[in-house]
Amino acid sequence: MFAAYAARIDPEQPLDGLELGERPEPEVAPGWTAVNVKAASLNHHDLWSLRGVGLSQESLPMILGCDAAGVDADGNEVVVHSVIGQTGHGVGPREPRSILTERYQGTFAERVAVPVWNVLRKPKELTFEEAACLPTAWLTAYRMLFTNAGVRPGDSVLVQGAGGGVATAAIVLGRAAGLRVYATSRDAAKRARAEELGALAAFEPGARLPHRVDAVIETVGAATWSHSVKSLRPGGTLVISGATSGPSPKAAELNRIFFLELKVVGSTMGTKEELEGLLDFCATTGVRPVIDSVLPLDRAREGFEKIARGDLFGKVVLTV
């Protein structure tokens, strides 16, 4: 079957390790099933995998891709939850949690094998392309906002780095849930787009906000960390799920964190139940993922290049 996979790891030139070509059909273990992929979306995780983050040389070749929507063996339209081993379903009860491409072959292929437990019904209201955007970036944003930040309608949220998949999802979901959303971006066009999606205002990174916010959604890391901490009201919550600009900020702002009793919460992906909630939320409210572009699988390299350049707003989707 045709697939996009990591053949080599290169921390400096990650795209040099990306190959497109034939790979073996997935083996379907007891308690697992094969899904015929209709659409799969790209994440920064896929680019980091090519750098060797979370993916060892011994695991190569590895088909990339965490997210997918497709059709199962019984003809049902489904969405794949990419966290494997979260509850022991389909794997040994002591196997550590991982996501597809860390231990098991991913979704950038004609078929992918996953535990039966990891397959969810796709709402008929969502296209395959839309549904394929939800299981990683949008699920991460959903958990950050509604589980870990604990915000309620009327609360204010700052979303750092508008344009990325998680940040874009947080803007759209936050607005739909009745939050007052602010955003930042270095790019004027991305700031304008964030406002079109529902942000009350979008600013350059580091700019003073109209007021301190209840929560900050942080995926940028070192470049925006100080601004995130300074933007919180006393007792506010900073939720972080990534550090695309680096994990070591020059100023940790520890004095401000303890003096203002700020909460810093790490957040990774989400549960199957949260993905079910997200799917229902999108189906019933009319909220749809923001898609930057849709490419056939044999043009996957173009999608990876867009992520590497940061030349996108929303998700890049690959269709099979």
Protein backbone atom coordinates (compact mmCIF):
# COMPACT_ATOMS: atom_id res chain seq x y z
CA MET A 1 0.00 0.00 0.00
CA PHE A 2 1.12 3.59 -0.62
CA ALA A 3 2.33 5.55 2.41
CA ALA A 4 4.38 8.52 3.63
CA TYR A 5 6.96 7.31 6.10
CA ALA A 6 10.12 8.14 8.01
CA ALA A 7 13.01 6.25 6.46
CA ARG A 8 15.78 8.17 8.24
CA ILE A 9 16.12 10.55 11.16
CA ASP A 10 17.84 13.88 10.60
CA PRO A 11 17.55 16.49 13.40
CA GLU A 12 18.89 19.27 11.16
CA GLN A 13 17.18 18.44 7.85
CA PRO A 14 14.11 16.42 8.89
CA LEU A 15 12.47 16.37 5.46
CA ASP A 16 15.46 14.48 4.09
CA GLY A 17 14.17 11.45 6.00
CA LEU A 18 10.66 11.54 4.50
CA GLU A 19 9.91 8.93 1.83
CA LEU A 20 6.78 8.25 -0.23
CA GLY A 21 6.22 4.76 -1.55
CA GLU A 22 5.00 1.23 -0.93
CA ARG A 23 4.83 -0.25 2.56
CA PRO A 24 3.45 -3.60 3.80
CA GLU A 25 -0.21 -3.90 4.68
CA PRO A 26 -0.83 -3.49 8.43
CA GLU A 27 -0.96 -6.59 10.59
CA VAL A 28 -4.24 -6.79 12.50
CA ALA A 29 -3.65 -8.28 15.95
CA PRO A 30 -6.44 -9.76 18.12
CA GLY A 31 -8.57 -6.92 19.46
CA TRP A 32 -7.43 -4.63 16.64
CA THR A 33 -9.04 -3.60 13.37
CA ALA A 34 -7.96 -2.07 10.06
CA VAL A 35 -9.38 1.27 8.93
CA ASN A 36 -9.37 2.32 5.28
CA VAL A 37 -8.09 5.89 5.52
CA LYS A 38 -10.03 8.55 3.65
CA ALA A 39 -8.30 11.60 5.15
CA ALA A 40 -5.46 12.27 7.58
CA SER A 41 -4.12 15.55 8.91
CA LEU A 42 -0.59 16.74 9.58
CA ASN A 43 0.71 17.87 12.97
CA HIS A 44 3.98 19.35 14.20
CA HIS A 45 4.45 15.96 15.86
CA ASP A 46 5.06 14.45 12.41
CA LEU A 47 7.87 16.90 11.72
CA TRP A 48 9.39 16.31 15.17
CA SER A 49 9.26 12.55 14.52
CA LEU A 50 11.51 13.07 11.49
CA ARG A 51 13.92 14.83 13.86
CA GLY A 52 13.94 11.77 16.12
CA VAL A 53 11.77 13.16 18.92
CA GLY A 54 9.68 10.27 20.23
CA LEU A 55 10.86 8.04 17.39
CA SER A 56 13.98 5.90 17.61
CA GLN A 57 16.22 4.74 14.79
CA GLU A 58 15.35 1.15 15.69
CA SER A 59 11.66 1.78 14.89
CA LEU A 60 12.29 2.78 11.27
CA PRO A 61 10.79 2.68 8.76
CA MET A 62 7.73 4.21 10.44
CA ILE A 63 4.60 5.37 8.64
CA LEU A 64 3.86 8.86 9.94
CA GLY A 65 0.52 10.42 10.87
CA CYS A 66 -1.56 10.46 14.05
CA ASP A 67 -4.97 11.59 12.81
CA ALA A 68 -7.35 9.80 10.49
CA ALA A 69 -10.96 9.41 9.45
CA GLY A 70 -12.07 6.56 7.26
CA VAL A 71 -14.17 3.44 6.91
CA ASP A 72 -13.87 0.36 9.10
CA ALA A 73 -14.19 -3.30 8.07
CA ASP A 74 -17.97 -3.16 8.51
CA GLY A 75 -18.39 -0.11 6.30
CA ASN A 76 -18.88 2.38 9.15
CA GLU A 77 -17.52 5.90 8.85
CA VAL A 78 -15.13 6.33 11.77
CA VAL A 79 -12.53 8.56 13.43
CA VAL A 80 -9.34 7.16 14.97
CA HIS A 81 -8.31 8.07 18.52
CA SER A 82 -4.54 7.95 18.27
CA VAL A 83 -3.58 7.38 21.92
CA ILE A 84 -2.66 3.70 22.28
CA GLY A 85 -2.48 1.96 25.66
CA GLN A 86 -4.35 4.67 27.51
CA THR A 87 -6.50 2.12 29.30
CA GLY A 88 -4.94 -1.17 28.25
CA HIS A 89 -7.47 -1.83 25.51
CA GLY A 90 -5.86 -3.79 22.67
CA VAL A 91 -2.46 -3.88 24.37
CA GLY A 92 -0.99 -5.22 27.58
CA PRO A 93 -2.32 -3.50 30.73
CA ARG A 94 1.17 -2.33 31.66
CA GLU A 95 2.14 -0.93 28.28
CA PRO A 96 2.90 2.81 28.61
CA ARG A 97 0.72 5.30 26.82
CA SER A 98 1.90 6.34 23.36
CA ILE A 99 0.46 7.85 20.22
CA LEU A 100 0.59 6.42 16.74
CA THR A 101 4.05 6.61 15.11
CA GLU A 102 5.85 6.31 18.45
CA ARG A 103 5.33 2.54 18.73
CA TYR A 104 2.85 1.70 15.97
CA GLN A 105 2.58 2.57 12.27
CA GLY A 106 0.63 5.73 11.54
CA THR A 107 -2.18 7.03 9.37
CA PHE A 108 -0.45 8.47 6.27
CA ALA A 109 -1.29 5.31 4.34
CA GLU A 110 -4.14 3.58 2.59
CA ARG A 111 -4.88 1.59 5.77
CA VAL A 112 -3.99 1.76 9.45
CA ALA A 113 -4.41 -0.82 12.20
CA VAL A 114 -5.58 0.30 15.65
CA PRO A 115 -7.29 -1.31 18.66
CA VAL A 116 -11.04 -1.64 18.16
CA TRP A 117 -11.48 0.50 21.29
CA ASN A 118 -9.76 3.40 19.50
CA VAL A 119 -12.36 3.64 16.73
CA LEU A 120 -15.18 6.19 17.17
CA ARG A 121 -18.23 6.86 15.04
CA LYS A 122 -17.81 9.82 12.70
CA PRO A 123 -20.75 12.23 12.92
CA LYS A 124 -22.55 12.44 9.59
CA GLU A 125 -22.38 16.24 9.83
CA LEU A 126 -18.59 16.20 9.40
CA THR A 127 -16.71 15.41 6.22
CA PHE A 128 -13.78 13.00 6.34
CA GLU A 129 -11.41 15.94 5.90
CA GLU A 130 -12.98 17.85 8.81
CA ALA A 131 -13.10 14.82 11.10
CA ALA A 132 -9.45 14.00 10.39
CA CYS A 133 -8.40 17.35 11.88
CA LEU A 134 -9.84 16.65 15.33
CA PRO A 135 -7.99 13.80 17.11
CA THR A 136 -4.70 15.59 17.87
CA ALA A 137 -4.59 19.40 17.53
CA TRP A 138 -8.28 20.05 18.11
CA LEU A 139 -8.52 17.47 20.90
CA THR A 140 -5.47 19.06 22.53
CA ALA A 141 -7.12 22.49 22.40
CA TYR A 142 -10.41 21.09 23.71
CA ARG A 143 -8.69 19.53 26.73
CA MET A 144 -6.59 22.63 27.35
CA LEU A 145 -9.62 24.90 27.44
CA PHE A 146 -12.37 22.89 29.04
CA THR A 147 -10.54 20.36 31.22
CA ASN A 148 -7.27 21.97 32.28
CA ALA A 149 -7.98 25.72 32.11
CA GLY A 150 -11.49 25.15 33.48
CA VAL A 151 -12.84 28.28 31.81
CA ARG A 152 -16.54 29.08 31.60
CA PRO A 153 -18.63 31.26 29.28
CA GLY A 154 -17.67 34.89 29.79
CA ASP A 155 -14.12 34.16 30.91
CA SER A 156 -11.19 35.64 28.98
CA VAL A 157 -8.43 33.64 27.28
CA LEU A 158 -5.21 34.55 25.51
CA VAL A 159 -4.15 32.19 22.70
CA GLN A 160 -0.49 32.50 21.75
CA GLY A 161 0.68 31.86 18.18
CA ALA A 162 -2.45 32.15 16.04
CA GLY A 163 -2.10 30.10 12.87
CA GLY A 164 -0.91 26.83 14.37
CA GLY A 165 -3.31 23.92 14.57
CA VAL A 166 -3.84 23.94 18.36
CA ALA A 167 -3.99 27.73 18.58
CA THR A 168 -6.49 28.01 15.74
CA ALA A 169 -8.66 25.33 17.33
CA ALA A 170 -8.54 27.13 20.68
CA ILE A 171 -9.75 30.37 19.09
CA VAL A 172 -12.68 28.71 17.32
CA LEU A 173 -13.69 26.47 20.24
CA GLY A 174 -13.31 29.27 22.75
CA ARG A 175 -15.46 31.64 20.77
CA ALA A 176 -18.14 28.98 20.25
CA ALA A 177 -18.19 28.34 24.01
CA GLY A 178 -18.79 31.99 24.84
CA LEU A 179 -15.26 32.94 25.89
CA ARG A 180 -13.63 36.32 25.31
CA VAL A 181 -10.66 35.30 23.19
CA TYR A 182 -7.50 37.29 22.45
CA ALA A 183 -4.70 36.05 20.21
CA THR A 184 -1.15 36.87 19.16
CA SER A 185 0.86 36.35 15.99
CA ARG A 186 3.97 37.88 14.42
CA ASP A 187 2.14 37.88 11.08
CA ALA A 188 -0.40 40.65 10.35
CA ALA A 189 -2.42 38.43 8.01
CA LYS A 190 -2.69 35.74 10.69
CA ARG A 191 -3.80 38.33 13.24
CA ALA A 192 -6.53 39.46 10.87
CA ARG A 193 -7.60 35.88 10.27
CA ALA A 194 -7.74 35.21 14.02
CA GLU A 195 -10.18 38.11 14.40
CA GLU A 196 -12.26 36.77 11.51
CA LEU A 197 -12.51 33.45 13.40
CA GLY A 198 -13.84 35.15 16.51
CA ALA A 199 -10.94 36.61 18.50
CA LEU A 200 -11.97 39.94 20.04
CA ALA A 201 -8.56 41.30 19.10
CA ALA A 202 -5.20 39.99 17.92
CA PHE A 203 -1.86 41.51 18.87
CA GLU A 204 1.82 41.23 18.13
CA PRO A 205 3.64 38.92 20.56
CA GLY A 206 4.45 40.70 23.81
CA ALA A 207 1.85 43.46 23.36
CA ARG A 208 -0.10 44.72 26.35
CA LEU A 209 -3.63 43.30 26.46
CA PRO A 210 -6.75 45.35 27.28
CA HIS A 211 -6.86 43.51 30.62
CA ARG A 212 -5.35 40.49 32.30
CA VAL A 213 -6.98 37.22 31.31
CA ASP A 214 -8.31 34.20 33.19
CA ALA A 215 -6.28 31.68 31.19
CA VAL A 216 -3.52 31.46 28.58
CA ILE A 217 -3.26 28.74 25.94
CA GLU A 218 0.47 28.30 25.32
CA THR A 219 2.03 26.21 22.56
CA VAL A 220 4.87 28.49 21.46
CA GLY A 221 7.11 28.11 24.52
CA ALA A 222 10.25 30.13 25.14
CA ALA A 223 9.43 33.05 22.84
CA THR A 224 6.09 33.87 24.49
CA TRP A 225 6.41 32.41 28.00
CA SER A 226 7.14 35.68 29.83
CA HIS A 227 4.27 37.44 28.06
CA SER A 228 1.92 34.57 28.92
CA VAL A 229 2.73 34.76 32.62
CA LYS A 230 2.47 38.57 32.70
CA SER A 231 -0.91 38.47 30.93
CA LEU A 232 -2.64 36.42 33.64
CA ARG A 233 -4.82 37.85 36.38
CA PRO A 234 -3.98 36.81 39.96
CA GLY A 235 -4.95 33.15 40.36
CA GLY A 236 -5.12 32.64 36.60
CA THR A 237 -4.11 29.49 34.74
CA LEU A 238 -1.45 28.96 32.09
CA VAL A 239 -1.95 25.73 30.15
CA ILE A 240 0.97 24.55 28.01
CA SER A 241 0.98 21.71 25.50
CA GLY A 242 3.99 22.51 23.34
CA ALA A 243 7.10 24.60 22.88
CA THR A 244 7.70 25.11 19.17
CA SER A 245 10.13 27.99 19.86
CA GLY A 246 12.07 26.02 22.45
CA PRO A 247 11.55 24.67 25.99
CA SER A 248 13.83 27.02 27.95
CA PRO A 249 12.60 30.61 28.33
CA LYS A 250 15.14 33.25 29.34
CA ALA A 251 12.84 34.43 32.14
CA ALA A 252 10.80 31.82 33.99
CA GLU A 253 8.91 34.55 35.90
CA LEU A 254 8.94 32.44 39.08
CA ASN A 255 8.43 35.42 41.38
CA ARG A 256 5.29 36.43 39.53
CA ILE A 257 4.01 32.84 39.47
CA PHE A 258 4.20 32.32 43.22
CA PHE A 259 3.32 35.88 44.29
CA LEU A 260 0.15 35.99 42.16
CA GLU A 261 -0.63 32.32 42.87
CA LEU A 262 -0.75 31.46 39.20
CA LYS A 263 -1.37 27.91 38.07
CA VAL A 264 0.81 26.28 35.39
CA VAL A 265 -0.74 23.13 33.93
CA GLY A 266 0.83 20.75 31.44
CA SER A 267 -1.54 19.23 28.91
CA THR A 268 -1.06 16.41 26.41
CA MET A 269 -3.61 15.23 23.86
CA GLY A 270 -6.90 14.07 25.41
CA THR A 271 -9.01 11.08 26.31
CA LYS A 272 -11.35 9.06 24.11
CA GLU A 273 -14.28 10.53 26.08
CA GLU A 274 -13.03 14.06 25.38
CA LEU A 275 -12.73 13.24 21.67
CA GLU A 276 -16.32 11.99 21.71
CA GLY A 277 -17.32 15.28 23.36
CA LEU A 278 -15.42 17.27 20.75
CA LEU A 279 -17.05 15.37 17.88
CA ASP A 280 -20.50 16.00 19.38
CA PHE A 281 -19.65 19.67 20.02
CA CYS A 282 -18.72 20.19 16.36
CA ALA A 283 -21.72 18.25 15.06
CA THR A 284 -24.28 20.13 17.17
CA THR A 285 -22.86 23.68 17.11
CA GLY A 286 -21.78 23.83 13.49
CA VAL A 287 -18.16 24.50 14.50
CA ARG A 288 -15.77 23.16 11.86
CA PRO A 289 -12.00 22.77 11.85
CA VAL A 290 -10.05 25.45 10.01
CA ILE A 291 -8.36 23.79 7.04
CA ASP A 292 -5.41 25.50 5.38
CA SER A 293 -5.14 23.10 2.45
CA VAL A 294 -6.09 19.64 1.22
CA LEU A 295 -3.51 17.57 -0.67
CA PRO A 296 -3.49 14.03 -2.04
CA LEU A 297 -1.23 11.65 -0.12
CA ASP A 298 1.32 11.55 -2.93
CA ARG A 299 1.91 15.29 -2.34
CA ALA A 300 2.56 14.85 1.38
CA ARG A 301 5.98 16.46 1.09
CA GLU A 302 4.33 19.77 0.21
CA GLY A 303 2.32 19.59 3.42
CA PHE A 304 5.41 18.88 5.50
CA GLU A 305 7.17 21.83 3.86
CA LYS A 306 4.29 24.15 4.79
CA ILE A 307 4.56 23.11 8.43
CA ALA A 308 8.34 23.47 8.40
CA ARG A 309 8.03 27.03 7.02
CA GLY A 310 5.12 27.96 9.27
CA ASP A 311 3.34 28.96 6.07
CA LEU A 312 -0.18 27.91 7.06
CA PHE A 313 -3.27 28.87 9.00
CA GLY A 314 -5.13 25.84 10.29
CA LYS A 315 -4.67 22.22 9.30
CA VAL A 316 -3.09 20.55 6.29
CA VAL A 317 -5.12 17.48 5.30
CA LEU A 318 -3.97 14.54 3.18
CA THR A 319 -6.57 12.55 1.28
CA VAL A 320 -6.24 8.93 0.20
